[in-house]
Protein backbone atom coordinates (compact mmCIF):
# COMPACT_ATOMS: atom_id res chain seq x y z
CA UNK A 1 -36.60 162.92 3.77
CA UNK A 2 -40.12 161.80 3.41
CA UNK A 3 -39.49 161.02 -0.35
CA UNK A 4 -36.69 158.71 0.50
CA UNK A 5 -38.67 156.73 3.07
CA UNK A 6 -41.47 156.30 0.65
CA UNK A 7 -39.14 155.28 -2.23
CA UNK A 8 -37.59 152.87 0.15
CA UNK A 9 -40.95 151.38 1.29
CA UNK A 10 -41.94 151.12 -2.22
CA UNK A 11 -39.01 149.06 -3.29
CA UNK A 12 -39.31 146.81 -0.29
CA UNK A 13 -43.07 146.09 -0.98
CA UNK A 14 -42.25 145.41 -4.64
CA UNK A 15 -39.66 142.88 -3.72
CA UNK A 16 -41.80 141.22 -1.26
CA UNK A 17 -44.72 140.96 -3.65
CA UNK A 18 -42.44 139.70 -6.51
CA UNK A 19 -40.97 137.10 -4.23
CA UNK A 20 -44.37 135.74 -3.05
CA UNK A 21 -45.43 135.07 -6.62
CA UNK A 22 -42.54 132.81 -7.41
CA UNK A 23 -42.86 129.09 -5.96
CA UNK A 24 -39.58 127.36 -6.93
CA UNK A 25 -40.34 124.13 -5.20
CA UNK A 26 -40.48 121.05 -7.50
CA UNK A 27 -43.43 118.50 -7.80
CA UNK A 28 -43.13 114.98 -9.29
CA UNK A 29 -45.36 114.27 -12.30
CA UNK A 30 -45.77 110.80 -13.60
CA UNK A 31 -46.84 109.40 -16.94
CA UNK A 32 -47.02 105.79 -18.44
CA UNK A 33 -46.18 104.75 -22.01
CA UNK A 34 -48.28 101.74 -23.17
CA UNK A 35 -47.29 99.82 -26.19
CA UNK A 36 -49.88 97.33 -27.61
CA UNK A 37 -48.89 95.06 -30.46
CA UNK A 38 -51.09 95.23 -33.70
CA UNK A 39 -53.35 92.19 -34.37
CA UNK A 40 -51.81 90.96 -37.71
CA UNK A 41 -48.72 93.11 -38.18
CA UNK A 42 -45.34 93.91 -36.45
CA UNK A 43 -46.37 97.52 -35.76
CA UNK A 44 -47.34 98.66 -32.19
CA UNK A 45 -49.82 101.19 -30.87
CA UNK A 46 -48.43 103.64 -28.53
CA UNK A 47 -50.62 105.37 -25.88
CA UNK A 48 -49.28 107.88 -23.44
CA UNK A 49 -51.22 108.18 -20.18
CA UNK A 50 -50.70 111.35 -18.14
CA UNK A 51 -53.40 110.63 -15.59
CA UNK A 52 -55.90 112.92 -17.05
CA UNK A 53 -59.60 112.20 -17.60
CA UNK A 54 -60.34 110.73 -20.96
CA UNK A 55 -62.62 112.69 -23.25
CA UNK A 56 -64.17 110.46 -26.01
CA UNK A 57 -65.64 113.36 -27.83
CA UNK A 58 -62.27 115.16 -28.23
CA UNK A 59 -59.34 114.14 -30.18
CA UNK A 60 -56.75 114.11 -27.52
CA UNK A 61 -54.02 112.18 -29.55
CA UNK A 62 -50.33 113.42 -29.19
CA UNK A 63 -49.42 116.01 -31.83
CA UNK A 64 -46.15 117.62 -32.79
CA UNK A 65 -45.41 121.33 -31.98
CA UNK A 66 -46.75 122.24 -35.59
CA UNK A 67 -49.89 120.43 -35.07
CA UNK A 68 -49.35 117.21 -37.05
CA UNK A 69 -50.34 113.87 -35.55
CA UNK A 70 -47.23 112.29 -33.66
CA UNK A 71 -46.47 108.80 -34.97
CA UNK A 72 -43.86 106.45 -33.53
CA UNK A 73 -42.06 104.01 -35.54
CA UNK A 74 -41.13 101.58 -32.74
CA UNK A 75 -41.26 101.50 -29.03
CA UNK A 76 -37.61 102.72 -28.89
CA UNK A 77 -38.84 105.67 -30.84
CA UNK A 78 -41.44 106.64 -28.30
CA UNK A 79 -38.99 106.12 -25.38
CA UNK A 80 -36.48 108.36 -27.09
CA UNK A 81 -39.13 110.92 -27.58
CA UNK A 82 -40.11 110.90 -23.80
CA UNK A 83 -36.30 111.41 -22.89
CA UNK A 84 -36.02 114.32 -25.22
CA UNK A 85 -38.95 115.94 -23.49
CA UNK A 86 -37.30 115.66 -20.12
CA UNK A 87 -39.02 112.63 -18.89
CA UNK A 88 -36.89 110.02 -16.77
CA UNK A 89 -37.38 106.31 -17.11
CA UNK A 90 -38.70 104.52 -13.92
CA UNK A 91 -39.72 100.97 -14.59
CA UNK A 92 -41.03 98.84 -17.23
CA UNK A 93 -43.30 95.71 -16.96
CA UNK A 94 -45.27 93.40 -19.32
CA UNK A 95 -49.06 92.70 -18.81
CA UNK A 96 -50.19 89.50 -20.37
CA UNK A 97 -53.63 89.51 -21.76
CA UNK A 98 -54.78 86.51 -23.76
CA UNK A 99 -51.96 85.68 -26.12
CA UNK A 100 -50.36 89.07 -26.27
CA UNK A 101 -48.17 91.13 -24.02
CA UNK A 102 -48.94 94.84 -23.50
CA UNK A 103 -45.72 96.67 -22.26
CA UNK A 104 -46.04 99.49 -19.84
CA UNK A 105 -43.23 102.08 -19.21
CA UNK A 106 -43.43 104.47 -16.36
CA UNK A 107 -41.70 107.83 -16.32
CA UNK A 108 -41.17 110.65 -14.02
CA UNK A 109 -40.58 114.43 -14.37
CA UNK A 110 -39.75 117.23 -11.89
CA UNK A 111 -41.92 120.31 -12.64
CA UNK A 112 -41.93 123.60 -10.68
CA UNK A 113 -45.16 124.43 -8.75
CA UNK A 114 -45.38 127.78 -10.52
CA UNK A 115 -45.90 125.93 -13.86
CA UNK A 116 -48.78 123.79 -12.49
CA UNK A 117 -52.02 125.23 -11.78
CA UNK A 118 -54.96 123.59 -9.81
CA UNK A 119 -55.71 120.25 -11.19
CA UNK A 120 -53.59 120.78 -14.40
CA UNK A 121 -51.68 117.85 -15.86
CA UNK A 122 -48.14 118.29 -17.37
CA UNK A 123 -47.89 116.84 -20.80
CA UNK A 124 -44.66 118.08 -22.22
């Protein structure tokens, strides 16, 4: 009888501990795609801002899954990439500086709290 009670108590404790470790609530994460036109060409420079602190000593440019530098052909190529990675488009707006317009595209993604750690930023 004692063995049955101990086994039942062990199973109940294991289920409580495993339930406490999973947090399935979702948190909104935001990012911004910034498209800056080139000076003397038709090409654009794409920058993706995830809200993290910039480190000028470390190369933090976007890379593919195999480690190669990710380059975009057009703004639409960058927006399609963000959609494939699960980011949802929110809004777009231009900012006029001198004689050029810099386009900003805001995105949102729902991420479970279990994926996030304290102060961590979701990139992809």
